[in-house]
Amino acid sequence: MDREQEEMQFLGLSGIYKESCKVIYSYWKIFAKITLSLILPLSFIFLAYIEVSNLIQRKIIFTEIRQHLTPVGTTRYHRLSDLLSKERTYFFLFKVVYSTFYLILSLLSTSAVVYTVACIYTGCDLTFGKVMTVVPKVWKRLLMTFLCIFIATIACIVAATLVFVSIVYFLRDTAAVVPLFFICLFLFIFGFIYLSIVWYLACVVSVLEESYGLKAIMKSRQLIRGKLIIVMVIFFKLNLSFLLVRYAFQMLVVYGRWGLVPMVDRVSYAILCFLVLSMLNLFGLVIQTVIYFVCKSYHHENIDKMELSNHLEVYLLAEYVPLKGQDVQLEEYRV
């Protein structure tokens, strides 16, 4: 990242994309190693989950149909009922295992990429071994931030559900029920997207600053102000790309097995989706960090590269000791 920090505040949508591509291209060797060790497994288990969960769901549906066609109270009906309970239990356990591994790999990947981009920005000596030494110490801070966002998201969903139920129950016979329902739905979707954006930037804050958990979330909200529209557009494009890859994988690979797509083509499409998803994961993580520096510059918060470098080096110690506020001081500068 050879741009001066003062210049980064002027980066727009295309500027952020170009800067992210430049970072990846300039240090492609270390990003390739991070991709092979963390991001490829992350993409693999994501696509494998889609494939396996579809098989299990189809098996559950088939058992449900057989049970429905079997007379109630018969021995066969009870056997199918027990089988259905086991299949649903296995499916639930499979989801839990998948979510656990996906979360761990996601946090590890985020830690590695954010730390790498920050080292590039500060000019620190950077090796793959160094990155992998730091990652296990950083992801715990990210986990605390994730738990805070998760609790906030659950609280929002519960509150929104209560509001929707109240609208339908108390205003069901009035003309205002439909427009009010859609207004609340729009606000809920916007709030969910906003929380997701805050979470993305809070991940970077958790790695590069002393704050993590709720403090990182509050800091993330402050940084987003003034750049919310640009960040939302980037967030929308990235997530749309992920959805398109997922849709393509489902249509061409998962559902393609039912005679719609030849086996050779299905394998080719699976590999293509896997590679595209991996590139999107890497690109998205690099963009997160670039956006962090853009937002810092926009708010005239100058990060002393030497102090940030010292902060990053602390992770290499045997025991991580959180830095004091003055160690990574954010100073105002005048443009």
C-alpha atoms as a PDB file:
ATOM      1  CA  MET A   1       0.000   0.000   0.000  1.00  0.00           C
ATOM      2  CA  ASP A   2       2.075   2.854  -1.309  1.00  0.00           C
ATOM      3  CA  ARG A   3      -0.570   5.540  -0.957  1.00  0.00           C
ATOM      4  CA  GLU A   4      -0.175   8.247   1.662  1.00  0.00           C
ATOM      5  CA  GLN A   5      -2.797   7.969   4.359  1.00  0.00           C
ATOM      6  CA  GLU A   6      -4.095  11.481   3.617  1.00  0.00           C
ATOM      7  CA  GLU A   7      -4.911  10.375   0.059  1.00  0.00           C
ATOM      8  CA  MET A   8      -6.897   7.313   1.089  1.00  0.00           C
ATOM      9  CA  GLN A   9      -9.866   9.355   2.297  1.00  0.00           C
ATOM     10  CA  PHE A  10     -10.554  10.326  -1.328  1.00  0.00           C
ATOM     11  CA  LEU A  11     -10.789   6.740  -2.571  1.00  0.00           C
ATOM     12  CA  GLY A  12     -14.191   5.983  -4.003  1.00  0.00           C
ATOM     13  CA  LEU A  13     -15.756   2.708  -5.058  1.00  0.00           C
ATOM     14  CA  SER A  14     -13.390   1.967  -7.935  1.00  0.00           C
ATOM     15  CA  GLY A  15     -10.411   3.296  -5.950  1.00  0.00           C
ATOM     16  CA  ILE A  16     -11.024   0.822  -3.128  1.00  0.00           C
ATOM     17  CA  TYR A  17     -11.319  -2.030  -5.620  1.00  0.00           C
ATOM     18  CA  LYS A  18      -8.091  -1.003  -7.379  1.00  0.00           C
ATOM     19  CA  GLU A  19      -6.200  -0.615  -4.110  1.00  0.00           C
ATOM     20  CA  SER A  20      -7.340  -4.066  -2.945  1.00  0.00           C
ATOM     21  CA  CYS A  21      -6.324  -5.665  -6.250  1.00  0.00           C
ATOM     22  CA  LYS A  22      -2.957  -3.895  -6.100  1.00  0.00           C
ATOM     23  CA  VAL A  23      -2.298  -5.258  -2.603  1.00  0.00           C
ATOM     24  CA  ILE A  24      -3.135  -8.828  -3.650  1.00  0.00           C
ATOM     25  CA  TYR A  25      -1.141  -8.592  -6.876  1.00  0.00           C
ATOM     26  CA  SER A  26       1.936  -7.076  -5.212  1.00  0.00           C
ATOM     27  CA  TYR A  27       2.083  -9.740  -2.484  1.00  0.00           C
ATOM     28  CA  TRP A  28       0.470 -12.624  -4.328  1.00  0.00           C
ATOM     29  CA  LYS A  29       2.849 -15.247  -2.941  1.00  0.00           C
ATOM     30  CA  ILE A  30       1.871 -14.828   0.706  1.00  0.00           C
ATOM     31  CA  PHE A  31      -1.811 -14.399  -0.182  1.00  0.00           C
ATOM     32  CA  ALA A  32      -1.595 -17.598  -2.230  1.00  0.00           C
ATOM     33  CA  LYS A  33      -0.263 -19.450   0.826  1.00  0.00           C
ATOM     34  CA  ILE A  34      -3.005 -18.007   3.051  1.00  0.00           C
ATOM     35  CA  THR A  35      -5.570 -19.026   0.458  1.00  0.00           C
ATOM     36  CA  LEU A  36      -4.262 -22.583   0.240  1.00  0.00           C
ATOM     37  CA  SER A  37      -4.095 -23.056   4.017  1.00  0.00           C
ATOM     38  CA  LEU A  38      -7.267 -21.290   5.195  1.00  0.00           C
ATOM     39  CA  ILE A  39      -9.499 -19.861   2.488  1.00  0.00           C
ATOM     40  CA  LEU A  40      -9.671 -22.950   0.264  1.00  0.00           C
ATOM     41  CA  PRO A  41     -10.805 -25.157   3.199  1.00  0.00           C
ATOM     42  CA  LEU A  42     -13.336 -22.454   4.121  1.00  0.00           C
ATOM     43  CA  SER A  43     -14.776 -22.452   0.604  1.00  0.00           C
ATOM     44  CA  PHE A  44     -14.722 -26.249   0.419  1.00  0.00           C
ATOM     45  CA  ILE A  45     -16.740 -26.835   3.583  1.00  0.00           C
ATOM     46  CA  PHE A  46     -19.227 -24.150   2.496  1.00  0.00           C
ATOM     47  CA  LEU A  47     -19.922 -25.878  -0.811  1.00  0.00           C
ATOM     48  CA  ALA A  48     -19.752 -29.339   0.775  1.00  0.00           C
ATOM     49  CA  TYR A  49     -22.392 -28.247   3.268  1.00  0.00           C
ATOM     50  CA  ILE A  50     -24.741 -27.278   0.438  1.00  0.00           C
ATOM     51  CA  GLU A  51     -24.249 -30.662  -1.232  1.00  0.00           C
ATOM     52  CA  VAL A  52     -24.539 -32.823   1.895  1.00  0.00           C
ATOM     53  CA  SER A  53     -27.408 -30.873   3.451  1.00  0.00           C
ATOM     54  CA  ASN A  54     -29.373 -31.238   0.215  1.00  0.00           C
ATOM     55  CA  LEU A  55     -28.883 -35.017   0.302  1.00  0.00           C
ATOM     56  CA  ILE A  56     -29.967 -35.226   3.949  1.00  0.00           C
ATOM     57  CA  GLN A  57     -33.009 -33.007   3.368  1.00  0.00           C
ATOM     58  CA  ARG A  58     -34.119 -35.113   0.421  1.00  0.00           C
ATOM     59  CA  LYS A  59     -33.751 -38.228   2.550  1.00  0.00           C
ATOM     60  CA  ILE A  60     -35.865 -36.634   5.298  1.00  0.00           C
ATOM     61  CA  ILE A  61     -38.535 -35.612   2.798  1.00  0.00           C
ATOM     62  CA  PHE A  62     -38.602 -39.131   1.330  1.00  0.00           C
ATOM     63  CA  THR A  63     -39.044 -40.615   4.832  1.00  0.00           C
ATOM     64  CA  GLU A  64     -41.834 -38.116   5.563  1.00  0.00           C
ATOM     65  CA  ILE A  65     -43.660 -39.123   2.386  1.00  0.00           C
ATOM     66  CA  ARG A  66     -43.348 -42.822   3.271  1.00  0.00           C
ATOM     67  CA  GLN A  67     -44.657 -42.126   6.758  1.00  0.00           C
ATOM     68  CA  HIS A  68     -47.563 -40.110   5.377  1.00  0.00           C
ATOM     69  CA  LEU A  69     -48.552 -43.009   3.120  1.00  0.00           C
ATOM     70  CA  THR A  70     -48.335 -45.527   5.984  1.00  0.00           C
ATOM     71  CA  PRO A  71     -51.398 -46.148   8.205  1.00  0.00           C
ATOM     72  CA  VAL A  72     -51.079 -44.482  11.615  1.00  0.00           C
ATOM     73  CA  GLY A  73     -50.451 -46.831  14.528  1.00  0.00           C
ATOM     74  CA  THR A  74     -48.834 -49.634  12.534  1.00  0.00           C
ATOM     75  CA  THR A  75     -45.381 -51.039  13.290  1.00  0.00           C
ATOM     76  CA  ARG A  76     -44.051 -49.663  10.013  1.00  0.00           C
ATOM     77  CA  TYR A  77     -45.374 -46.205  10.915  1.00  0.00           C
ATOM     78  CA  HIS A  78     -43.539 -46.240  14.273  1.00  0.00           C
ATOM     79  CA  ARG A  79     -40.317 -47.436  12.618  1.00  0.00           C
ATOM     80  CA  LEU A  80     -40.524 -44.621  10.097  1.00  0.00           C
ATOM     81  CA  SER A  81     -41.246 -42.156  12.904  1.00  0.00           C
ATOM     82  CA  ASP A  82     -38.118 -43.276  14.775  1.00  0.00           C
ATOM     83  CA  LEU A  83     -36.079 -43.112  11.563  1.00  0.00           C
ATOM     84  CA  LEU A  84     -37.371 -39.603  10.873  1.00  0.00           C
ATOM     85  CA  SER A  85     -36.388 -38.456  14.367  1.00  0.00           C
ATOM     86  CA  LYS A  86     -32.880 -39.876  13.912  1.00  0.00           C
ATOM     87  CA  GLU A  87     -32.454 -38.231  10.516  1.00  0.00           C
ATOM     88  CA  ARG A  88     -33.555 -34.855  11.869  1.00  0.00           C
ATOM     89  CA  THR A  89     -31.177 -35.243  14.823  1.00  0.00           C
ATOM     90  CA  TYR A  90     -28.286 -36.116  12.504  1.00  0.00           C
ATOM     91  CA  PHE A  91     -29.131 -33.118  10.344  1.00  0.00           C
ATOM     92  CA  PHE A  92     -29.117 -30.813  13.367  1.00  0.00           C
ATOM     93  CA  LEU A  93     -25.787 -32.198  14.581  1.00  0.00           C
ATOM     94  CA  PHE A  94     -24.370 -31.842  11.081  1.00  0.00           C
ATOM     95  CA  LYS A  95     -25.410 -28.169  11.053  1.00  0.00           C
ATOM     96  CA  VAL A  96     -23.782 -27.595  14.445  1.00  0.00           C
ATOM     97  CA  VAL A  97     -20.501 -29.212  13.350  1.00  0.00           C
ATOM     98  CA  TYR A  98     -20.522 -27.284  10.073  1.00  0.00           C
ATOM     99  CA  SER A  99     -21.253 -23.953  11.779  1.00  0.00           C
ATOM    100  CA  THR A 100     -18.448 -24.547  14.292  1.00  0.00           C
ATOM    101  CA  PHE A 101     -15.816 -25.378  11.685  1.00  0.00           C
ATOM    102  CA  TYR A 102     -16.979 -22.626   9.343  1.00  0.00           C
ATOM    103  CA  LEU A 103     -16.836 -20.027  12.125  1.00  0.00           C
ATOM    104  CA  ILE A 104     -13.342 -21.104  13.198  1.00  0.00           C
ATOM    105  CA  LEU A 105     -11.972 -21.068   9.641  1.00  0.00           C
ATOM    106  CA  SER A 106     -13.689 -17.763   8.934  1.00  0.00           C
ATOM    107  CA  LEU A 107     -12.141 -16.114  11.997  1.00  0.00           C
ATOM    108  CA  LEU A 108      -8.717 -17.598  11.239  1.00  0.00           C
ATOM    109  CA  SER A 109      -8.884 -16.399   7.624  1.00  0.00           C
ATOM    110  CA  THR A 110      -9.947 -12.928   8.714  1.00  0.00           C
ATOM    111  CA  SER A 111      -7.134 -12.766  11.260  1.00  0.00           C
ATOM    112  CA  ALA A 112      -4.529 -13.820   8.698  1.00  0.00           C
ATOM    113  CA  VAL A 113      -5.613 -11.441   5.926  1.00  0.00           C
ATOM    114  CA  VAL A 114      -6.159  -8.391   8.157  1.00  0.00           C
ATOM    115  CA  TYR A 115      -2.798  -8.903   9.858  1.00  0.00           C
ATOM    116  CA  THR A 116      -1.078  -9.379   6.487  1.00  0.00           C
ATOM    117  CA  VAL A 117      -2.557  -6.228   4.932  1.00  0.00           C
ATOM    118  CA  ALA A 118      -1.683  -4.213   8.048  1.00  0.00           C
ATOM    119  CA  CYS A 119       1.912  -5.464   7.896  1.00  0.00           C
ATOM    120  CA  ILE A 120       2.064  -4.454   4.227  1.00  0.00           C
ATOM    121  CA  TYR A 121       0.737  -1.011   5.137  1.00  0.00           C
ATOM    122  CA  THR A 122       3.333  -0.504   7.880  1.00  0.00           C
ATOM    123  CA  GLY A 123       6.186  -2.070   5.940  1.00  0.00           C
ATOM    124  CA  CYS A 124       6.773  -4.805   8.535  1.00  0.00           C
ATOM    125  CA  ASP A 125       8.855  -7.849   7.715  1.00  0.00           C
ATOM    126  CA  LEU A 126       6.290 -10.360   6.506  1.00  0.00           C
ATOM    127  CA  THR A 127       6.510 -14.124   6.110  1.00  0.00           C
ATOM    128  CA  PHE A 128       3.861 -16.825   5.958  1.00  0.00           C
ATOM    129  CA  GLY A 129       5.251 -18.485   9.101  1.00  0.00           C
ATOM    130  CA  LYS A 130       4.979 -15.204  10.958  1.00  0.00           C
ATOM    131  CA  VAL A 131       1.355 -14.792   9.905  1.00  0.00           C
ATOM    132  CA  MET A 132       0.435 -18.324  10.974  1.00  0.00           C
ATOM    133  CA  THR A 133       2.101 -17.729  14.357  1.00  0.00           C
ATOM    134  CA  VAL A 134      -0.033 -14.667  14.961  1.00  0.00           C
ATOM    135  CA  VAL A 135      -3.368 -16.052  13.741  1.00  0.00           C
ATOM    136  CA  PRO A 136      -4.178 -18.295  16.762  1.00  0.00           C
ATOM    137  CA  LYS A 137      -3.642 -15.328  19.108  1.00  0.00           C
ATOM    138  CA  VAL A 138      -5.837 -12.930  17.147  1.00  0.00           C
ATOM    139  CA  TRP A 139      -8.901 -15.043  16.408  1.00  0.00           C
ATOM    140  CA  LYS A 140      -9.948 -15.147  20.080  1.00  0.00           C
ATOM    141  CA  ARG A 141     -10.433 -11.380  20.004  1.00  0.00           C
ATOM    142  CA  LEU A 142     -12.502 -11.770  16.838  1.00  0.00           C
ATOM    143  CA  LEU A 143     -14.605 -14.435  18.546  1.00  0.00           C
ATOM    144  CA  MET A 144     -15.545 -12.002  21.330  1.00  0.00           C
ATOM    145  CA  THR A 145     -16.569  -9.429  18.730  1.00  0.00           C
ATOM    146  CA  PHE A 146     -18.576 -12.037  16.852  1.00  0.00           C
ATOM    147  CA  LEU A 147     -20.439 -13.077  20.007  1.00  0.00           C
ATOM    148  CA  CYS A 148     -21.424  -9.461  20.679  1.00  0.00           C
ATOM    149  CA  ILE A 149     -22.702  -9.021  17.122  1.00  0.00           C
ATOM    150  CA  PHE A 150     -24.501 -12.375  17.319  1.00  0.00           C
ATOM    151  CA  ILE A 151     -26.307 -11.351  20.513  1.00  0.00           C
ATOM    152  CA  ALA A 152     -27.226  -7.984  18.984  1.00  0.00           C
ATOM    153  CA  THR A 153     -28.570  -9.720  15.869  1.00  0.00           C
ATOM    154  CA  ILE A 154     -30.693 -12.137  17.910  1.00  0.00           C
ATOM    155  CA  ALA A 155     -32.049  -9.217  19.936  1.00  0.00           C
ATOM    156  CA  CYS A 156     -32.981  -7.373  16.723  1.00  0.00           C
ATOM    157  CA  ILE A 157     -34.704 -10.442  15.289  1.00  0.00           C
ATOM    158  CA  VAL A 158     -36.724 -10.953  18.489  1.00  0.00           C
ATOM    159  CA  ALA A 159     -37.695  -7.263  18.613  1.00  0.00           C
ATOM    160  CA  ALA A 160     -38.652  -7.257  14.921  1.00  0.00           C
ATOM    161  CA  THR A 161     -40.749 -10.403  15.357  1.00  0.00           C
ATOM    162  CA  LEU A 162     -42.645  -8.815  18.255  1.00  0.00           C
ATOM    163  CA  VAL A 163     -43.257  -5.673  16.180  1.00  0.00           C
ATOM    164  CA  PHE A 164     -44.521  -7.654  13.167  1.00  0.00           C
ATOM    165  CA  VAL A 165     -46.807  -9.804  15.322  1.00  0.00           C
ATOM    166  CA  SER A 166     -48.156  -6.706  17.086  1.00  0.00           C
ATOM    167  CA  ILE A 167     -48.870  -4.968  13.767  1.00  0.00           C
ATOM    168  CA  VAL A 168     -50.703  -7.976  12.350  1.00  0.00           C
ATOM    169  CA  TYR A 169     -52.628  -8.631  15.581  1.00  0.00           C
ATOM    170  CA  PHE A 170     -53.690  -5.092  16.533  1.00  0.00           C
ATOM    171  CA  LEU A 171     -54.017  -3.515  13.066  1.00  0.00           C
ATOM    172  CA  ARG A 172     -55.182  -6.472  10.974  1.00  0.00           C
ATOM    173  CA  ASP A 173     -58.564  -4.879  10.244  1.00  0.00           C
ATOM    174  CA  THR A 174     -57.197  -1.439   9.304  1.00  0.00           C
ATOM    175  CA  ALA A 175     -55.892  -0.044   6.031  1.00  0.00           C
ATOM    176  CA  ALA A 176     -52.553   0.871   7.649  1.00  0.00           C
ATOM    177  CA  VAL A 177     -51.481  -2.723   8.326  1.00  0.00           C
ATOM    178  CA  VAL A 178     -49.942  -3.400   4.878  1.00  0.00           C
ATOM    179  CA  PRO A 179     -47.902  -0.178   4.428  1.00  0.00           C
ATOM    180  CA  LEU A 180     -46.788  -0.234   8.073  1.00  0.00           C
ATOM    181  CA  PHE A 181     -45.756  -3.866   7.753  1.00  0.00           C
ATOM    182  CA  PHE A 182     -43.593  -3.146   4.696  1.00  0.00           C
ATOM    183  CA  ILE A 183     -42.056  -0.054   6.292  1.00  0.00           C
ATOM    184  CA  CYS A 184     -41.037  -2.123   9.307  1.00  0.00           C
ATOM    185  CA  LEU A 185     -39.755  -4.874   6.991  1.00  0.00           C
ATOM    186  CA  PHE A 186     -37.604  -2.336   5.125  1.00  0.00           C
ATOM    187  CA  LEU A 187     -36.217  -0.992   8.413  1.00  0.00           C
ATOM    188  CA  PHE A 188     -35.454  -4.526   9.578  1.00  0.00           C
ATOM    189  CA  ILE A 189     -33.581  -5.393   6.366  1.00  0.00           C
ATOM    190  CA  PHE A 190     -31.633  -2.129   6.525  1.00  0.00           C
ATOM    191  CA  GLY A 191     -30.788  -2.770  10.193  1.00  0.00           C
ATOM    192  CA  PHE A 192     -29.616  -6.304   9.418  1.00  0.00           C
ATOM    193  CA  ILE A 193     -27.375  -5.056   6.592  1.00  0.00           C
ATOM    194  CA  TYR A 194     -26.030  -2.297   8.833  1.00  0.00           C
ATOM    195  CA  LEU A 195     -25.153  -4.816  11.572  1.00  0.00           C
ATOM    196  CA  SER A 196     -23.362  -6.977   9.013  1.00  0.00           C
ATOM    197  CA  ILE A 197     -21.307  -4.003   7.810  1.00  0.00           C
ATOM    198  CA  VAL A 198     -20.457  -3.028  11.397  1.00  0.00           C
ATOM    199  CA  TRP A 199     -19.343  -6.628  12.031  1.00  0.00           C
ATOM    200  CA  TYR A 200     -17.037  -6.629   9.005  1.00  0.00           C
ATOM    201  CA  LEU A 201     -15.255  -3.451  10.057  1.00  0.00           C
ATOM    202  CA  ALA A 202     -15.259  -4.445  13.737  1.00  0.00           C
ATOM    203  CA  CYS A 203     -13.191  -7.508  12.762  1.00  0.00           C
ATOM    204  CA  VAL A 204     -10.423  -5.236  11.485  1.00  0.00           C
ATOM    205  CA  VAL A 205     -10.666  -3.012  14.561  1.00  0.00           C
ATOM    206  CA  SER A 206     -10.325  -6.077  16.801  1.00  0.00           C
ATOM    207  CA  VAL A 207      -7.018  -6.980  15.139  1.00  0.00           C
ATOM    208  CA  LEU A 208      -5.447  -3.561  14.644  1.00  0.00           C
ATOM    209  CA  GLU A 209      -6.558  -1.763  17.794  1.00  0.00           C
ATOM    210  CA  GLU A 210      -6.825  -2.440  21.483  1.00  0.00           C
ATOM    211  CA  SER A 211     -10.626  -2.585  21.277  1.00  0.00           C
ATOM    212  CA  TYR A 212     -12.531  -5.806  20.748  1.00  0.00           C
ATOM    213  CA  GLY A 213     -16.004  -7.041  21.538  1.00  0.00           C
ATOM    214  CA  LEU A 214     -18.505  -4.261  22.218  1.00  0.00           C
ATOM    215  CA  LYS A 215     -15.801  -1.561  22.079  1.00  0.00           C
ATOM    216  CA  ALA A 216     -14.781  -2.695  18.591  1.00  0.00           C
ATOM    217  CA  ILE A 217     -18.412  -2.546  17.475  1.00  0.00           C
ATOM    218  CA  MET A 218     -18.806   1.007  18.769  1.00  0.00           C
ATOM    219  CA  LYS A 219     -15.552   2.024  17.097  1.00  0.00           C
ATOM    220  CA  SER A 220     -16.714   0.424  13.850  1.00  0.00           C
ATOM    221  CA  ARG A 221     -19.952   2.457  13.936  1.00  0.00           C
ATOM    222  CA  GLN A 222     -17.952   5.653  14.318  1.00  0.00           C
ATOM    223  CA  LEU A 223     -15.651   4.817  11.408  1.00  0.00           C
ATOM    224  CA  ILE A 224     -18.484   3.958   9.013  1.00  0.00           C
ATOM    225  CA  ARG A 225     -20.091   7.391   9.351  1.00  0.00           C
ATOM    226  CA  GLY A 226     -19.599   9.388   6.191  1.00  0.00           C
ATOM    227  CA  LYS A 227     -18.660   6.314   4.151  1.00  0.00           C
ATOM    228  CA  LEU A 228     -21.793   4.260   4.775  1.00  0.00           C
ATOM    229  CA  ILE A 229     -23.155   4.472   1.220  1.00  0.00           C
ATOM    230  CA  ILE A 230     -19.885   3.337  -0.384  1.00  0.00           C
ATOM    231  CA  VAL A 231     -19.456   0.535   2.146  1.00  0.00           C
ATOM    232  CA  MET A 232     -23.067  -0.595   1.620  1.00  0.00           C
ATOM    233  CA  VAL A 233     -22.579  -0.716  -2.160  1.00  0.00           C
ATOM    234  CA  ILE A 234     -19.395  -2.789  -1.753  1.00  0.00           C
ATOM    235  CA  PHE A 235     -21.149  -5.049   0.764  1.00  0.00           C
ATOM    236  CA  PHE A 236     -24.115  -5.490  -1.594  1.00  0.00           C
ATOM    237  CA  LYS A 237     -21.919  -6.349  -4.602  1.00  0.00           C
ATOM    238  CA  LEU A 238     -19.809  -8.842  -2.671  1.00  0.00           C
ATOM    239  CA  ASN A 239     -22.803 -10.611  -1.156  1.00  0.00           C
ATOM    240  CA  LEU A 240     -24.600 -10.636  -4.504  1.00  0.00           C
ATOM    241  CA  SER A 241     -21.525 -12.310  -5.993  1.00  0.00           C
ATOM    242  CA  PHE A 242     -21.535 -14.915  -3.207  1.00  0.00           C
ATOM    243  CA  LEU A 243     -25.243 -15.577  -3.790  1.00  0.00           C
ATOM    244  CA  LEU A 244     -24.694 -15.996  -7.533  1.00  0.00           C
ATOM    245  CA  VAL A 245     -21.890 -18.511  -6.930  1.00  0.00           C
ATOM    246  CA  ARG A 246     -24.078 -20.409  -4.473  1.00  0.00           C
ATOM    247  CA  TYR A 247     -27.020 -20.379  -6.890  1.00  0.00           C
ATOM    248  CA  ALA A 248     -24.806 -21.592  -9.736  1.00  0.00           C
ATOM    249  CA  PHE A 249     -23.444 -24.401  -7.560  1.00  0.00           C
ATOM    250  CA  GLN A 250     -26.927 -25.497  -6.549  1.00  0.00           C
ATOM    251  CA  MET A 251     -28.327 -25.425 -10.073  1.00  0.00           C
ATOM    252  CA  LEU A 252     -25.362 -26.941 -11.917  1.00  0.00           C
ATOM    253  CA  VAL A 253     -23.897 -29.295  -9.320  1.00  0.00           C
ATOM    254  CA  VAL A 254     -26.385 -30.119  -6.563  1.00  0.00           C
ATOM    255  CA  TYR A 255     -29.555 -30.335  -8.675  1.00  0.00           C
ATOM    256  CA  GLY A 256     -27.601 -31.244 -11.796  1.00  0.00           C
ATOM    257  CA  ARG A 257     -27.186 -34.812 -10.584  1.00  0.00           C
ATOM    258  CA  TRP A 258     -30.803 -35.581 -11.473  1.00  0.00           C
ATOM    259  CA  GLY A 259     -29.939 -36.075 -15.142  1.00  0.00           C
ATOM    260  CA  LEU A 260     -29.893 -32.352 -15.976  1.00  0.00           C
ATOM    261  CA  VAL A 261     -26.094 -31.992 -16.205  1.00  0.00           C
ATOM    262  CA  PRO A 262     -23.567 -34.699 -17.226  1.00  0.00           C
ATOM    263  CA  MET A 263     -21.211 -35.924 -14.498  1.00  0.00           C
ATOM    264  CA  VAL A 264     -18.079 -34.510 -16.181  1.00  0.00           C
ATOM    265  CA  ASP A 265     -19.674 -31.085 -16.489  1.00  0.00           C
ATOM    266  CA  ARG A 266     -20.856 -31.208 -12.880  1.00  0.00           C
ATOM    267  CA  VAL A 267     -17.287 -31.781 -11.684  1.00  0.00           C
ATOM    268  CA  SER A 268     -16.027 -28.927 -13.865  1.00  0.00           C
ATOM    269  CA  TYR A 269     -18.724 -26.576 -12.574  1.00  0.00           C
ATOM    270  CA  ALA A 270     -17.970 -27.598  -8.976  1.00  0.00           C
ATOM    271  CA  ILE A 271     -14.264 -26.792  -9.402  1.00  0.00           C
ATOM    272  CA  LEU A 272     -15.090 -23.476 -11.082  1.00  0.00           C
ATOM    273  CA  CYS A 273     -17.488 -22.454  -8.281  1.00  0.00           C
ATOM    274  CA  PHE A 274     -14.913 -23.516  -5.707  1.00  0.00           C
ATOM    275  CA  LEU A 275     -12.170 -21.356  -7.257  1.00  0.00           C
ATOM    276  CA  VAL A 276     -14.418 -18.329  -7.784  1.00  0.00           C
ATOM    277  CA  LEU A 277     -15.719 -18.550  -4.219  1.00  0.00           C
ATOM    278  CA  SER A 278     -12.167 -18.730  -2.856  1.00  0.00           C
ATOM    279  CA  MET A 279     -11.124 -15.653  -4.834  1.00  0.00           C
ATOM    280  CA  LEU A 280     -14.197 -13.778  -3.623  1.00  0.00           C
ATOM    281  CA  ASN A 281     -13.416 -14.699  -0.009  1.00  0.00           C
ATOM    282  CA  LEU A 282      -9.854 -13.407  -0.307  1.00  0.00           C
ATOM    283  CA  PHE A 283     -10.896 -10.262  -2.156  1.00  0.00           C
ATOM    284  CA  GLY A 284     -13.610  -9.509   0.396  1.00  0.00           C
ATOM    285  CA  LEU A 285     -11.236  -9.857   3.344  1.00  0.00           C
ATOM    286  CA  VAL A 286      -8.639  -7.564   1.749  1.00  0.00           C
ATOM    287  CA  ILE A 287     -11.347  -4.997   0.979  1.00  0.00           C
ATOM    288  CA  GLN A 288     -12.387  -5.022   4.661  1.00  0.00           C
ATOM    289  CA  THR A 289      -8.943  -3.880   5.716  1.00  0.00           C
ATOM    290  CA  VAL A 290      -8.611  -1.303   2.934  1.00  0.00           C
ATOM    291  CA  ILE A 291     -11.986   0.167   3.924  1.00  0.00           C
ATOM    292  CA  TYR A 292     -10.716   0.436   7.519  1.00  0.00           C
ATOM    293  CA  PHE A 293      -7.764   2.599   6.427  1.00  0.00           C
ATOM    294  CA  VAL A 294     -10.021   4.644   4.119  1.00  0.00           C
ATOM    295  CA  CYS A 295     -12.448   5.351   6.979  1.00  0.00           C
ATOM    296  CA  LYS A 296      -9.597   6.232   9.343  1.00  0.00           C
ATOM    297  CA  SER A 297      -8.255   8.687   6.798  1.00  0.00           C
ATOM    298  CA  TYR A 298     -11.720  10.145   6.170  1.00  0.00           C
ATOM    299  CA  HIS A 299     -12.117  10.916   9.898  1.00  0.00           C
ATOM    300  CA  HIS A 300      -8.600  12.431   9.998  1.00  0.00           C
ATOM    301  CA  GLU A 301      -7.356   9.783  12.396  1.00  0.00           C
ATOM    302  CA  ASN A 302      -3.691   9.335  11.670  1.00  0.00           C
ATOM    303  CA  ILE A 303      -2.186   5.973  12.568  1.00  0.00           C
ATOM    304  CA  ASP A 304       1.490   6.236  13.300  1.00  0.00           C
ATOM    305  CA  LYS A 305       2.987   3.406  11.235  1.00  0.00           C
ATOM    306  CA  MET A 306       5.712   2.820  13.806  1.00  0.00           C
ATOM    307  CA  GLU A 307       3.210   2.471  16.643  1.00  0.00           C
ATOM    308  CA  LEU A 308       0.963   0.218  14.568  1.00  0.00           C
ATOM    309  CA  SER A 309       4.000  -1.854  13.644  1.00  0.00           C
ATOM    310  CA  ASN A 310       4.858  -2.232  17.346  1.00  0.00           C
ATOM    311  CA  HIS A 311       1.258  -3.239  18.036  1.00  0.00           C
ATOM    312  CA  LEU A 312       1.439  -5.952  15.373  1.00  0.00           C
ATOM    313  CA  GLU A 313       4.791  -7.197  16.673  1.00  0.00           C
ATOM    314  CA  VAL A 314       3.286  -7.694  20.149  1.00  0.00           C
ATOM    315  CA  TYR A 315       1.236 -10.590  18.751  1.00  0.00           C
ATOM    316  CA  LEU A 316       4.479 -12.473  18.168  1.00  0.00           C
ATOM    317  CA  LEU A 317       5.234 -12.561  21.888  1.00  0.00           C
ATOM    318  CA  ALA A 318       4.652 -15.813  23.729  1.00  0.00           C
ATOM    319  CA  GLU A 319       1.869 -14.230  25.763  1.00  0.00           C
ATOM    320  CA  TYR A 320      -0.217 -11.461  24.280  1.00  0.00           C
ATOM    321  CA  VAL A 321      -0.568  -8.430  26.533  1.00  0.00           C
ATOM    322  CA  PRO A 322      -3.166  -5.882  25.378  1.00  0.00           C
ATOM    323  CA  LEU A 323      -1.610  -2.542  24.574  1.00  0.00           C
ATOM    324  CA  LYS A 324      -2.465   0.567  26.488  1.00  0.00           C
ATOM    325  CA  GLY A 325      -4.345   3.356  24.797  1.00  0.00           C
ATOM    326  CA  GLN A 326      -1.200   5.428  24.269  1.00  0.00           C
ATOM    327  CA  ASP A 327       0.553   2.545  22.462  1.00  0.00           C
ATOM    328  CA  VAL A 328      -1.696   2.809  19.439  1.00  0.00           C
ATOM    329  CA  GLN A 329      -2.629   6.434  19.652  1.00  0.00           C
ATOM    330  CA  LEU A 330      -5.001   7.845  17.063  1.00  0.00           C
ATOM    331  CA  GLU A 331      -4.044  11.447  16.483  1.00  0.00           C
ATOM    332  CA  GLU A 332      -5.904  14.190  14.627  1.00  0.00           C
ATOM    333  CA  TYR A 333      -4.136  15.613  11.637  1.00  0.00           C
ATOM    334  CA  ARG A 334      -5.044  18.553   9.502  1.00  0.00           C
ATOM    335  CA  VAL A 335      -5.641  18.233   5.813  1.00  0.00           C
END
